[in-house]
Amino acid sequence: MKITLDLPEHTVDPSDGYNDPYYDPGVCGNCGYEKSGTMAKLVPYGWVHTEPPHEGEKSCLQAIVDNLPQIGASAAWLVVGQHVARYPSRHSASTIRSVITELLKPAWKVRKEAGR
């Protein structure tokens, strides 16, 4: 199954400082380095870099996405579900329906095993 998430994003230029409404001297939710360049917000990670730090390396967002299958299907669907729940208007009805279906599968399995 493939779904597309519409992530909120903005570009942070630390030289703009407090003139930029998005300026936040915080850090990336993945690498821990200062926010700069184009950032995307992925719940529950927060703002992460969308551009690689050096040529040939992965961006923080790509590293998170690549790691989702390794954390297990249930945990990966929880990450996607949290994001869709936080920003429902950014996603199509079919995406929301797919996420809800995947999140309910473990409950259906338990119910089926219980003979209900």
PDB file of N, CA and C in Angstrom:
ATOM      1  N   MET A   1       0.844  -1.169   0.000  1.00  0.00           N
ATOM      2  CA  MET A   1       0.000   0.000   0.000  1.00  0.00           C
ATOM      3  C   MET A   1       0.893   1.237   0.000  1.00  0.00           C
ATOM      4  N   LYS A   2       0.494   2.219  -0.768  1.00  0.00           N
ATOM      5  CA  LYS A   2       1.248   3.464  -0.821  1.00  0.00           C
ATOM      6  C   LYS A   2       0.296   4.621  -0.571  1.00  0.00           C
ATOM      7  N   ILE A   3       0.643   5.454   0.407  1.00  0.00           N
ATOM      8  CA  ILE A   3      -0.140   6.667   0.648  1.00  0.00           C
ATOM      9  C   ILE A   3       0.815   7.849   0.619  1.00  0.00           C
ATOM     10  N   THR A   4       0.283   9.002   0.337  1.00  0.00           N
ATOM     11  CA  THR A   4       1.088  10.215   0.283  1.00  0.00           C
ATOM     12  C   THR A   4       0.674  11.128   1.429  1.00  0.00           C
ATOM     13  N   LEU A   5       1.662  11.554   2.226  1.00  0.00           N
ATOM     14  CA  LEU A   5       1.392  12.486   3.317  1.00  0.00           C
ATOM     15  C   LEU A   5       1.726  13.894   2.854  1.00  0.00           C
ATOM     16  N   ASP A   6       0.835  14.824   3.136  1.00  0.00           N
ATOM     17  CA  ASP A   6       1.064  16.230   2.829  1.00  0.00           C
ATOM     18  C   ASP A   6       1.631  16.867   4.091  1.00  0.00           C
ATOM     19  N   LEU A   7       2.948  17.047   4.132  1.00  0.00           N
ATOM     20  CA  LEU A   7       3.612  17.557   5.331  1.00  0.00           C
ATOM     21  C   LEU A   7       3.686  19.077   5.309  1.00  0.00           C
ATOM     22  N   PRO A   8       3.368  19.730   6.445  1.00  0.00           N
ATOM     23  CA  PRO A   8       3.581  21.180   6.520  1.00  0.00           C
ATOM     24  C   PRO A   8       5.079  21.448   6.397  1.00  0.00           C
ATOM     25  N   GLU A   9       5.443  22.471   5.652  1.00  0.00           N
ATOM     26  CA  GLU A   9       6.864  22.798   5.542  1.00  0.00           C
ATOM     27  C   GLU A   9       7.066  24.303   5.476  1.00  0.00           C
ATOM     28  N   HIS A  10       8.264  24.702   5.814  1.00  0.00           N
ATOM     29  CA  HIS A  10       8.663  26.098   5.686  1.00  0.00           C
ATOM     30  C   HIS A  10      10.183  26.159   5.588  1.00  0.00           C
ATOM     31  N   THR A  11      10.677  27.312   5.147  1.00  0.00           N
ATOM     32  CA  THR A  11      12.119  27.509   5.031  1.00  0.00           C
ATOM     33  C   THR A  11      12.567  28.428   6.143  1.00  0.00           C
ATOM     34  N   VAL A  12      13.576  27.991   6.880  1.00  0.00           N
ATOM     35  CA  VAL A  12      14.103  28.761   7.996  1.00  0.00           C
ATOM     36  C   VAL A  12      15.455  29.331   7.598  1.00  0.00           C
ATOM     37  N   ASP A  13      15.596  30.633   7.747  1.00  0.00           N
ATOM     38  CA  ASP A  13      16.874  31.284   7.520  1.00  0.00           C
ATOM     39  C   ASP A  13      17.281  31.916   8.841  1.00  0.00           C
ATOM     40  N   PRO A  14      18.230  31.306   9.558  1.00  0.00           N
ATOM     41  CA  PRO A  14      18.614  31.841  10.869  1.00  0.00           C
ATOM     42  C   PRO A  14      19.065  33.294  10.831  1.00  0.00           C
ATOM     43  N   SER A  15      19.523  33.780   9.670  1.00  0.00           N
ATOM     44  CA  SER A  15      19.961  35.174   9.604  1.00  0.00           C
ATOM     45  C   SER A  15      18.785  36.135   9.683  1.00  0.00           C
ATOM     46  N   ASP A  16      17.560  35.662   9.361  1.00  0.00           N
ATOM     47  CA  ASP A  16      16.367  36.511   9.474  1.00  0.00           C
ATOM     48  C   ASP A  16      15.978  36.740  10.924  1.00  0.00           C
ATOM     49  N   GLY A  17      16.355  35.820  11.779  1.00  0.00           N
ATOM     50  CA  GLY A  17      16.064  35.947  13.203  1.00  0.00           C
ATOM     51  C   GLY A  17      14.598  36.126  13.490  1.00  0.00           C
ATOM     52  N   TYR A  18      14.285  37.048  14.355  1.00  0.00           N
ATOM     53  CA  TYR A  18      12.914  37.225  14.814  1.00  0.00           C
ATOM     54  C   TYR A  18      12.009  37.883  13.777  1.00  0.00           C
ATOM     55  N   ASN A  19      12.542  38.314  12.637  1.00  0.00           N
ATOM     56  CA  ASN A  19      11.699  38.854  11.570  1.00  0.00           C
ATOM     57  C   ASN A  19      10.936  37.742  10.862  1.00  0.00           C
ATOM     58  N   ASP A  20      11.407  36.516  10.969  1.00  0.00           N
ATOM     59  CA  ASP A  20      10.750  35.363  10.356  1.00  0.00           C
ATOM     60  C   ASP A  20       9.754  34.785  11.359  1.00  0.00           C
ATOM     61  N   PRO A  21       8.454  34.706  10.997  1.00  0.00           N
ATOM     62  CA  PRO A  21       7.461  34.194  11.961  1.00  0.00           C
ATOM     63  C   PRO A  21       7.709  32.738  12.349  1.00  0.00           C
ATOM     64  N   TYR A  22       8.435  31.976  11.514  1.00  0.00           N
ATOM     65  CA  TYR A  22       8.723  30.580  11.821  1.00  0.00           C
ATOM     66  C   TYR A  22      10.047  30.399  12.548  1.00  0.00           C
ATOM     67  N   TYR A  23      10.773  31.506  12.777  1.00  0.00           N
ATOM     68  CA  TYR A  23      12.087  31.373  13.387  1.00  0.00           C
ATOM     69  C   TYR A  23      11.958  30.771  14.778  1.00  0.00           C
ATOM     70  N   ASP A  24      12.699  29.743  14.972  1.00  0.00           N
ATOM     71  CA  ASP A  24      12.727  29.057  16.253  1.00  0.00           C
ATOM     72  C   ASP A  24      14.140  28.522  16.394  1.00  0.00           C
ATOM     73  N   PRO A  25      14.890  28.991  17.342  1.00  0.00           N
ATOM     74  CA  PRO A  25      16.280  28.555  17.452  1.00  0.00           C
ATOM     75  C   PRO A  25      16.399  27.114  17.957  1.00  0.00           C
ATOM     76  N   GLY A  26      15.324  26.356  17.830  1.00  0.00           N
ATOM     77  CA  GLY A  26      15.345  24.965  18.266  1.00  0.00           C
ATOM     78  C   GLY A  26      16.155  24.088  17.334  1.00  0.00           C
ATOM     79  N   VAL A  27      15.999  22.794  17.516  1.00  0.00           N
ATOM     80  CA  VAL A  27      16.783  21.839  16.754  1.00  0.00           C
ATOM     81  C   VAL A  27      15.881  20.906  15.952  1.00  0.00           C
ATOM     82  N   CYS A  28      16.482  20.232  15.007  1.00  0.00           N
ATOM     83  CA  CYS A  28      15.802  19.238  14.181  1.00  0.00           C
ATOM     84  C   CYS A  28      15.370  18.073  15.066  1.00  0.00           C
ATOM     85  N   GLY A  29      14.170  17.543  14.829  1.00  0.00           N
ATOM     86  CA  GLY A  29      13.646  16.428  15.606  1.00  0.00           C
ATOM     87  C   GLY A  29      14.339  15.108  15.338  1.00  0.00           C
ATOM     88  N   ASN A  30      15.240  15.081  14.355  1.00  0.00           N
ATOM     89  CA  ASN A  30      15.940  13.838  14.040  1.00  0.00           C
ATOM     90  C   ASN A  30      17.428  13.919  14.365  1.00  0.00           C
ATOM     91  N   CYS A  31      18.116  14.919  13.821  1.00  0.00           N
ATOM     92  CA  CYS A  31      19.581  14.960  13.958  1.00  0.00           C
ATOM     93  C   CYS A  31      20.060  15.800  15.139  1.00  0.00           C
ATOM     94  N   GLY A  32      19.207  16.686  15.644  1.00  0.00           N
ATOM     95  CA  GLY A  32      19.603  17.510  16.781  1.00  0.00           C
ATOM     96  C   GLY A  32      20.365  18.777  16.410  1.00  0.00           C
ATOM     97  N   TYR A  33      20.586  19.008  15.095  1.00  0.00           N
ATOM     98  CA  TYR A  33      21.248  20.234  14.666  1.00  0.00           C
ATOM     99  C   TYR A  33      20.227  21.357  14.546  1.00  0.00           C
ATOM    100  N   GLU A  34      20.706  22.600  14.552  1.00  0.00           N
ATOM    101  CA  GLU A  34      19.825  23.761  14.489  1.00  0.00           C
ATOM    102  C   GLU A  34      18.937  23.724  13.253  1.00  0.00           C
ATOM    103  N   LYS A  35      17.712  24.201  13.408  1.00  0.00           N
ATOM    104  CA  LYS A  35      16.796  24.289  12.285  1.00  0.00           C
ATOM    105  C   LYS A  35      17.334  25.285  11.269  1.00  0.00           C
ATOM    106  N   SER A  36      17.372  24.864  10.005  1.00  0.00           N
ATOM    107  CA  SER A  36      17.793  25.744   8.923  1.00  0.00           C
ATOM    108  C   SER A  36      17.368  25.118   7.607  1.00  0.00           C
ATOM    109  N   GLY A  37      17.256  25.931   6.581  1.00  0.00           N
ATOM    110  CA  GLY A  37      16.843  25.425   5.283  1.00  0.00           C
ATOM    111  C   GLY A  37      15.372  25.039   5.288  1.00  0.00           C
ATOM    112  N   THR A  38      15.005  24.144   4.404  1.00  0.00           N
ATOM    113  CA  THR A  38      13.623  23.700   4.311  1.00  0.00           C
ATOM    114  C   THR A  38      13.368  22.622   5.350  1.00  0.00           C
ATOM    115  N   MET A  39      12.339  22.840   6.152  1.00  0.00           N
ATOM    116  CA  MET A  39      11.973  21.920   7.220  1.00  0.00           C
ATOM    117  C   MET A  39      10.551  21.433   6.968  1.00  0.00           C
ATOM    118  N   ALA A  40      10.284  20.175   7.321  1.00  0.00           N
ATOM    119  CA  ALA A  40       8.931  19.620   7.234  1.00  0.00           C
ATOM    120  C   ALA A  40       8.553  19.114   8.617  1.00  0.00           C
ATOM    121  N   LYS A  41       7.260  19.186   8.933  1.00  0.00           N
ATOM    122  CA  LYS A  41       6.798  18.733  10.240  1.00  0.00           C
ATOM    123  C   LYS A  41       6.143  17.369  10.113  1.00  0.00           C
ATOM    124  N   LEU A  42       6.727  16.384  10.792  1.00  0.00           N
ATOM    125  CA  LEU A  42       6.174  15.036  10.818  1.00  0.00           C
ATOM    126  C   LEU A  42       5.926  14.667  12.269  1.00  0.00           C
ATOM    127  N   VAL A  43       4.637  14.484  12.595  1.00  0.00           N
ATOM    128  CA  VAL A  43       4.271  14.083  13.945  1.00  0.00           C
ATOM    129  C   VAL A  43       4.701  12.636  14.104  1.00  0.00           C
ATOM    130  N   PRO A  44       5.291  12.195  15.163  1.00  0.00           N
ATOM    131  CA  PRO A  44       5.619  12.867  16.411  1.00  0.00           C
ATOM    132  C   PRO A  44       7.037  13.424  16.465  1.00  0.00           C
ATOM    133  N   TYR A  45       7.761  13.427  15.337  1.00  0.00           N
ATOM    134  CA  TYR A  45       9.159  13.856  15.335  1.00  0.00           C
ATOM    135  C   TYR A  45       9.322  15.361  15.451  1.00  0.00           C
ATOM    136  N   GLY A  46       8.392  16.119  14.919  1.00  0.00           N
ATOM    137  CA  GLY A  46       8.508  17.571  14.910  1.00  0.00           C
ATOM    138  C   GLY A  46       9.125  18.036  13.598  1.00  0.00           C
ATOM    139  N   TRP A  47       9.766  19.196  13.620  1.00  0.00           N
ATOM    140  CA  TRP A  47      10.363  19.764  12.417  1.00  0.00           C
ATOM    141  C   TRP A  47      11.669  19.049  12.112  1.00  0.00           C
ATOM    142  N   VAL A  48      11.794  18.560  10.873  1.00  0.00           N
ATOM    143  CA  VAL A  48      13.001  17.847  10.443  1.00  0.00           C
ATOM    144  C   VAL A  48      13.492  18.410   9.116  1.00  0.00           C
ATOM    145  N   HIS A  49      14.796  18.290   8.888  1.00  0.00           N
ATOM    146  CA  HIS A  49      15.396  18.776   7.637  1.00  0.00           C
ATOM    147  C   HIS A  49      14.907  17.949   6.448  1.00  0.00           C
ATOM    148  N   THR A  50      14.577  18.626   5.350  1.00  0.00           N
ATOM    149  CA  THR A  50      14.167  17.929   4.128  1.00  0.00           C
ATOM    150  C   THR A  50      15.286  17.888   3.097  1.00  0.00           C
ATOM    151  N   GLU A  51      16.347  18.606   3.371  1.00  0.00           N
ATOM    152  CA  GLU A  51      17.487  18.633   2.451  1.00  0.00           C
ATOM    153  C   GLU A  51      18.662  17.932   3.105  1.00  0.00           C
ATOM    154  N   PRO A  52      19.425  17.142   2.335  1.00  0.00           N
ATOM    155  CA  PRO A  52      20.584  16.457   2.921  1.00  0.00           C
ATOM    156  C   PRO A  52      21.661  17.451   3.340  1.00  0.00           C
ATOM    157  N   PRO A  53      22.381  17.149   4.444  1.00  0.00           N
ATOM    158  CA  PRO A  53      23.420  18.068   4.909  1.00  0.00           C
ATOM    159  C   PRO A  53      24.598  18.149   3.941  1.00  0.00           C
ATOM    160  N   HIS A  54      24.891  17.043   3.279  1.00  0.00           N
ATOM    161  CA  HIS A  54      25.997  16.987   2.319  1.00  0.00           C
ATOM    162  C   HIS A  54      25.564  16.152   1.127  1.00  0.00           C
ATOM    163  N   GLU A  55      26.165  16.418  -0.010  1.00  0.00           N
ATOM    164  CA  GLU A  55      25.819  15.670  -1.215  1.00  0.00           C
ATOM    165  C   GLU A  55      26.070  14.176  -1.006  1.00  0.00           C
ATOM    166  N   GLY A  56      25.121  13.381  -1.432  1.00  0.00           N
ATOM    167  CA  GLY A  56      25.246  11.939  -1.289  1.00  0.00           C
ATOM    168  C   GLY A  56      24.707  11.384   0.020  1.00  0.00           C
ATOM    169  N   GLU A  57      24.328  12.260   0.948  1.00  0.00           N
ATOM    170  CA  GLU A  57      23.746  11.814   2.221  1.00  0.00           C
ATOM    171  C   GLU A  57      22.233  11.955   2.170  1.00  0.00           C
ATOM    172  N   LYS A  58      21.555  11.304   3.103  1.00  0.00           N
ATOM    173  CA  LYS A  58      20.093  11.392   3.186  1.00  0.00           C
ATOM    174  C   LYS A  58      19.681  12.576   4.040  1.00  0.00           C
ATOM    175  N   SER A  59      18.517  13.130   3.713  1.00  0.00           N
ATOM    176  CA  SER A  59      17.943  14.160   4.572  1.00  0.00           C
ATOM    177  C   SER A  59      17.388  13.478   5.823  1.00  0.00           C
ATOM    178  N   CYS A  60      17.124  14.254   6.847  1.00  0.00           N
ATOM    179  CA  CYS A  60      16.549  13.700   8.084  1.00  0.00           C
ATOM    180  C   CYS A  60      15.183  13.087   7.807  1.00  0.00           C
ATOM    181  N   LEU A  61      14.366  13.754   6.974  1.00  0.00           N
ATOM    182  CA  LEU A  61      13.048  13.229   6.639  1.00  0.00           C
ATOM    183  C   LEU A  61      13.181  11.884   5.929  1.00  0.00           C
ATOM    184  N   GLN A  62      14.108  11.792   4.975  1.00  0.00           N
ATOM    185  CA  GLN A  62      14.292  10.535   4.251  1.00  0.00           C
ATOM    186  C   GLN A  62      14.785   9.433   5.181  1.00  0.00           C
ATOM    187  N   ALA A  63      15.643   9.773   6.120  1.00  0.00           N
ATOM    188  CA  ALA A  63      16.134   8.779   7.084  1.00  0.00           C
ATOM    189  C   ALA A  63      14.992   8.238   7.942  1.00  0.00           C
ATOM    190  N   ILE A  64      14.073   9.111   8.351  1.00  0.00           N
ATOM    191  CA  ILE A  64      12.916   8.671   9.143  1.00  0.00           C
ATOM    192  C   ILE A  64      12.024   7.755   8.306  1.00  0.00           C
ATOM    193  N   VAL A  65      11.731   8.172   7.081  1.00  0.00           N
ATOM    194  CA  VAL A  65      10.870   7.375   6.206  1.00  0.00           C
ATOM    195  C   VAL A  65      11.504   6.011   5.929  1.00  0.00           C
ATOM    196  N   ASP A  66      12.817   5.981   5.680  1.00  0.00           N
ATOM    197  CA  ASP A  66      13.504   4.717   5.419  1.00  0.00           C
ATOM    198  C   ASP A  66      13.483   3.801   6.637  1.00  0.00           C
ATOM    199  N   ASN A  67      13.411   4.383   7.832  1.00  0.00           N
ATOM    200  CA  ASN A  67      13.445   3.603   9.072  1.00  0.00           C
ATOM    201  C   ASN A  67      12.068   3.070   9.481  1.00  0.00           C
ATOM    202  N   LEU A  68      10.993   3.610   8.922  1.00  0.00           N
ATOM    203  CA  LEU A  68       9.654   3.190   9.330  1.00  0.00           C
ATOM    204  C   LEU A  68       9.426   1.679   9.189  1.00  0.00           C
ATOM    205  N   PRO A  69       9.805   1.042   8.080  1.00  0.00           N
ATOM    206  CA  PRO A  69       9.582  -0.412   8.001  1.00  0.00           C
ATOM    207  C   PRO A  69      10.371  -1.197   9.051  1.00  0.00           C
ATOM    208  N   GLN A  70      11.497  -0.675   9.479  1.00  0.00           N
ATOM    209  CA  GLN A  70      12.333  -1.385  10.448  1.00  0.00           C
ATOM    210  C   GLN A  70      11.779  -1.314  11.861  1.00  0.00           C
ATOM    211  N   ILE A  71      10.939  -0.337  12.153  1.00  0.00           N
ATOM    212  CA  ILE A  71      10.378  -0.240  13.508  1.00  0.00           C
ATOM    213  C   ILE A  71       9.128  -1.097  13.651  1.00  0.00           C
ATOM    214  N   GLY A  72       8.717  -1.718  12.553  1.00  0.00           N
ATOM    215  CA  GLY A  72       7.549  -2.590  12.592  1.00  0.00           C
ATOM    216  C   GLY A  72       6.329  -1.916  12.014  1.00  0.00           C
ATOM    217  N   ALA A  73       5.473  -2.722  11.434  1.00  0.00           N
ATOM    218  CA  ALA A  73       4.292  -2.175  10.757  1.00  0.00           C
ATOM    219  C   ALA A  73       3.378  -1.405  11.704  1.00  0.00           C
ATOM    220  N   SER A  74       3.140  -1.955  12.898  1.00  0.00           N
ATOM    221  CA  SER A  74       2.230  -1.280  13.837  1.00  0.00           C
ATOM    222  C   SER A  74       2.770   0.079  14.264  1.00  0.00           C
ATOM    223  N   ALA A  75       4.051   0.135  14.592  1.00  0.00           N
ATOM    224  CA  ALA A  75       4.656   1.404  15.012  1.00  0.00           C
ATOM    225  C   ALA A  75       4.685   2.395  13.859  1.00  0.00           C
ATOM    226  N   ALA A  76       4.971   1.922  12.657  1.00  0.00           N
ATOM    227  CA  ALA A  76       5.002   2.810  11.496  1.00  0.00           C
ATOM    228  C   ALA A  76       3.614   3.387  11.225  1.00  0.00           C
ATOM    229  N   TRP A  77       2.573   2.550  11.313  1.00  0.00           N
ATOM    230  CA  TRP A  77       1.218   3.047  11.106  1.00  0.00           C
ATOM    231  C   TRP A  77       0.809   4.016  12.207  1.00  0.00           C
ATOM    232  N   LEU A  78       1.316   3.839  13.420  1.00  0.00           N
ATOM    233  CA  LEU A  78       1.019   4.803  14.487  1.00  0.00           C
ATOM    234  C   LEU A  78       1.615   6.170  14.167  1.00  0.00           C
ATOM    235  N   VAL A  79       2.845   6.194  13.629  1.00  0.00           N
ATOM    236  CA  VAL A  79       3.465   7.466  13.242  1.00  0.00           C
ATOM    237  C   VAL A  79       2.624   8.136  12.165  1.00  0.00           C
ATOM    238  N   VAL A  80       2.259   7.370  11.137  1.00  0.00           N
ATOM    239  CA  VAL A  80       1.448   7.924  10.051  1.00  0.00           C
ATOM    240  C   VAL A  80       0.082   8.361  10.594  1.00  0.00           C
ATOM    241  N   GLY A  81      -0.533   7.545  11.442  1.00  0.00           N
ATOM    242  CA  GLY A  81      -1.832   7.880  12.018  1.00  0.00           C
ATOM    243  C   GLY A  81      -1.806   9.147  12.856  1.00  0.00           C
ATOM    244  N   GLN A  82      -0.740   9.327  13.638  1.00  0.00           N
ATOM    245  CA  GLN A  82      -0.624  10.552  14.445  1.00  0.00           C
ATOM    246  C   GLN A  82      -0.535  11.774  13.546  1.00  0.00           C
ATOM    247  N   HIS A  83       0.215  11.654  12.456  1.00  0.00           N
ATOM    248  CA  HIS A  83       0.346  12.790  11.556  1.00  0.00           C
ATOM    249  C   HIS A  83      -0.993  13.115  10.881  1.00  0.00           C
ATOM    250  N   VAL A  84      -1.678  12.092  10.385  1.00  0.00           N
ATOM    251  CA  VAL A  84      -2.961  12.313   9.716  1.00  0.00           C
ATOM    252  C   VAL A  84      -3.991  12.870  10.694  1.00  0.00           C
ATOM    253  N   ALA A  85      -3.982  12.388  11.938  1.00  0.00           N
ATOM    254  CA  ALA A  85      -4.919  12.905  12.942  1.00  0.00           C
ATOM    255  C   ALA A  85      -4.637  14.369  13.261  1.00  0.00           C
ATOM    256  N   ARG A  86      -3.380  14.746  13.249  1.00  0.00           N
ATOM    257  CA  ARG A  86      -2.999  16.141  13.558  1.00  0.00           C
ATOM    258  C   ARG A  86      -3.358  17.079  12.421  1.00  0.00           C
ATOM    259  N   TYR A  87      -3.264  16.609  11.174  1.00  0.00           N
ATOM    260  CA  TYR A  87      -3.527  17.439   9.995  1.00  0.00           C
ATOM    261  C   TYR A  87      -4.527  16.767   9.057  1.00  0.00           C
ATOM    262  N   PRO A  88      -5.754  16.498   9.506  1.00  0.00           N
ATOM    263  CA  PRO A  88      -6.700  15.765   8.646  1.00  0.00           C
ATOM    264  C   PRO A  88      -7.089  16.513   7.367  1.00  0.00           C
ATOM    265  N   SER A  89      -7.142  17.824   7.418  1.00  0.00           N
ATOM    266  CA  SER A  89      -7.574  18.571   6.235  1.00  0.00           C
ATOM    267  C   SER A  89      -6.535  18.548   5.117  1.00  0.00           C
ATOM    268  N   ARG A  90      -5.320  18.116   5.418  1.00  0.00           N
ATOM    269  CA  ARG A  90      -4.264  18.047   4.404  1.00  0.00           C
ATOM    270  C   ARG A  90      -4.314  16.749   3.604  1.00  0.00           C
ATOM    271  N   HIS A  91      -5.180  15.813   3.999  1.00  0.00           N
ATOM    272  CA  HIS A  91      -5.176  14.487   3.392  1.00  0.00           C
ATOM    273  C   HIS A  91      -6.523  14.151   2.764  1.00  0.00           C
ATOM    274  N   SER A  92      -6.451  13.326   1.744  1.00  0.00           N
ATOM    275  CA  SER A  92      -7.673  12.902   1.057  1.00  0.00           C
ATOM    276  C   SER A  92      -8.449  11.917   1.924  1.00  0.00           C
ATOM    277  N   ALA A  93      -9.720  11.754   1.587  1.00  0.00           N
ATOM    278  CA  ALA A  93     -10.562  10.808   2.327  1.00  0.00           C
ATOM    279  C   ALA A  93     -10.022   9.385   2.193  1.00  0.00           C
ATOM    280  N   SER A  94      -9.502   9.035   1.022  1.00  0.00           N
ATOM    281  CA  SER A  94      -8.976   7.680   0.837  1.00  0.00           C
ATOM    282  C   SER A  94      -7.737   7.435   1.694  1.00  0.00           C
ATOM    283  N   THR A  95      -6.898   8.448   1.865  1.00  0.00           N
ATOM    284  CA  THR A  95      -5.730   8.301   2.732  1.00  0.00           C
ATOM    285  C   THR A  95      -6.168   8.104   4.172  1.00  0.00           C
ATOM    286  N   ILE A  96      -7.111   8.913   4.629  1.00  0.00           N
ATOM    287  CA  ILE A  96      -7.605   8.798   6.008  1.00  0.00           C
ATOM    288  C   ILE A  96      -8.253   7.436   6.218  1.00  0.00           C
ATOM    289  N   ARG A  97      -9.038   6.989   5.255  1.00  0.00           N
ATOM    290  CA  ARG A  97      -9.693   5.680   5.342  1.00  0.00           C
ATOM    291  C   ARG A  97      -8.650   4.556   5.409  1.00  0.00           C
ATOM    292  N   SER A  98      -7.605   4.638   4.587  1.00  0.00           N
ATOM    293  CA  SER A  98      -6.547   3.622   4.593  1.00  0.00           C
ATOM    294  C   SER A  98      -5.822   3.571   5.932  1.00  0.00           C
ATOM    295  N   VAL A  99      -5.529   4.737   6.484  1.00  0.00           N
ATOM    296  CA  VAL A  99      -4.828   4.789   7.777  1.00  0.00           C
ATOM    297  C   VAL A  99      -5.708   4.203   8.878  1.00  0.00           C
ATOM    298  N   ILE A 100      -6.975   4.579   8.909  1.00  0.00           N
ATOM    299  CA  ILE A 100      -7.877   4.046   9.934  1.00  0.00           C
ATOM    300  C   ILE A 100      -7.997   2.523   9.806  1.00  0.00           C
ATOM    301  N   THR A 101      -8.122   2.034   8.581  1.00  0.00           N
ATOM    302  CA  THR A 101      -8.214   0.590   8.348  1.00  0.00           C
ATOM    303  C   THR A 101      -6.984  -0.131   8.881  1.00  0.00           C
ATOM    304  N   GLU A 102      -5.805   0.396   8.585  1.00  0.00           N
ATOM    305  CA  GLU A 102      -4.564  -0.245   9.042  1.00  0.00           C
ATOM    306  C   GLU A 102      -4.427  -0.178  10.563  1.00  0.00           C
ATOM    307  N   LEU A 103      -4.865   0.920  11.164  1.00  0.00           N
ATOM    308  CA  LEU A 103      -4.774   1.044  12.619  1.00  0.00           C
ATOM    309  C   LEU A 103      -5.753   0.113  13.334  1.00  0.00           C
ATOM    310  N   LEU A 104      -6.864  -0.223  12.685  1.00  0.00           N
ATOM    311  CA  LEU A 104      -7.861  -1.101  13.293  1.00  0.00           C
ATOM    312  C   LEU A 104      -7.565  -2.592  13.115  1.00  0.00           C
ATOM    313  N   LYS A 105      -6.679  -2.945  12.199  1.00  0.00           N
ATOM    314  CA  LYS A 105      -6.392  -4.364  11.941  1.00  0.00           C
ATOM    315  C   LYS A 105      -5.994  -5.148  13.183  1.00  0.00           C
ATOM    316  N   PRO A 106      -5.116  -4.619  14.058  1.00  0.00           N
ATOM    317  CA  PRO A 106      -4.780  -5.396  15.268  1.00  0.00           C
ATOM    318  C   PRO A 106      -5.998  -5.652  16.160  1.00  0.00           C
ATOM    319  N   ALA A 107      -6.905  -4.689  16.260  1.00  0.00           N
ATOM    320  CA  ALA A 107      -8.110  -4.870  17.080  1.00  0.00           C
ATOM    321  C   ALA A 107      -9.026  -5.929  16.466  1.00  0.00           C
ATOM    322  N   TRP A 108      -9.137  -5.922  15.140  1.00  0.00           N
ATOM    323  CA  TRP A 108      -9.959  -6.932  14.475  1.00  0.00           C
ATOM    324  C   TRP A 108      -9.373  -8.326  14.685  1.00  0.00           C
ATOM    325  N   LYS A 109      -8.049  -8.409  14.657  1.00  0.00           N
ATOM    326  CA  LYS A 109      -7.386  -9.693  14.827  1.00  0.00           C
ATOM    327  C   LYS A 109      -7.669 -10.251  16.235  1.00  0.00           C
ATOM    328  N   VAL A 110      -7.564  -9.398  17.244  1.00  0.00           N
ATOM    329  CA  VAL A 110      -7.841  -9.816  18.620  1.00  0.00           C
ATOM    330  C   VAL A 110      -9.280 -10.249  18.760  1.00  0.00           C
ATOM    331  N   ARG A 111     -10.174  -9.486  18.159  1.00  0.00           N
ATOM    332  CA  ARG A 111     -11.605  -9.822  18.249  1.00  0.00           C
ATOM    333  C   ARG A 111     -11.890 -11.145  17.564  1.00  0.00           C
ATOM    334  N   LYS A 112     -11.258 -11.380  16.413  1.00  0.00           N
ATOM    335  CA  LYS A 112     -11.468 -12.618  15.666  1.00  0.00           C
ATOM    336  C   LYS A 112     -10.942 -13.810  16.473  1.00  0.00           C
ATOM    337  N   GLU A 113      -9.772 -13.644  17.109  1.00  0.00           N
ATOM    338  CA  GLU A 113      -9.188 -14.716  17.909  1.00  0.00           C
ATOM    339  C   GLU A 113     -10.020 -15.019  19.151  1.00  0.00           C
ATOM    340  N   ALA A 114     -10.738 -14.016  19.639  1.00  0.00           N
ATOM    341  CA  ALA A 114     -11.583 -14.191  20.817  1.00  0.00           C
ATOM    342  C   ALA A 114     -12.919 -14.851  20.433  1.00  0.00           C
ATOM    343  N   GLY A 115     -13.153 -15.028  19.122  1.00  0.00           N
ATOM    344  CA  GLY A 115     -14.367 -15.688  18.671  1.00  0.00           C
ATOM    345  C   GLY A 115     -15.593 -14.811  18.651  1.00  0.00           C
ATOM    346  N   ARG A 116     -15.397 -13.525  18.475  1.00  0.00           N
ATOM    347  CA  ARG A 116     -16.548 -12.605  18.436  1.00  0.00           C
ATOM    348  C   ARG A 116     -16.929 -12.270  17.041  1.00  0.00           C
TER     349      ARG A 116
END
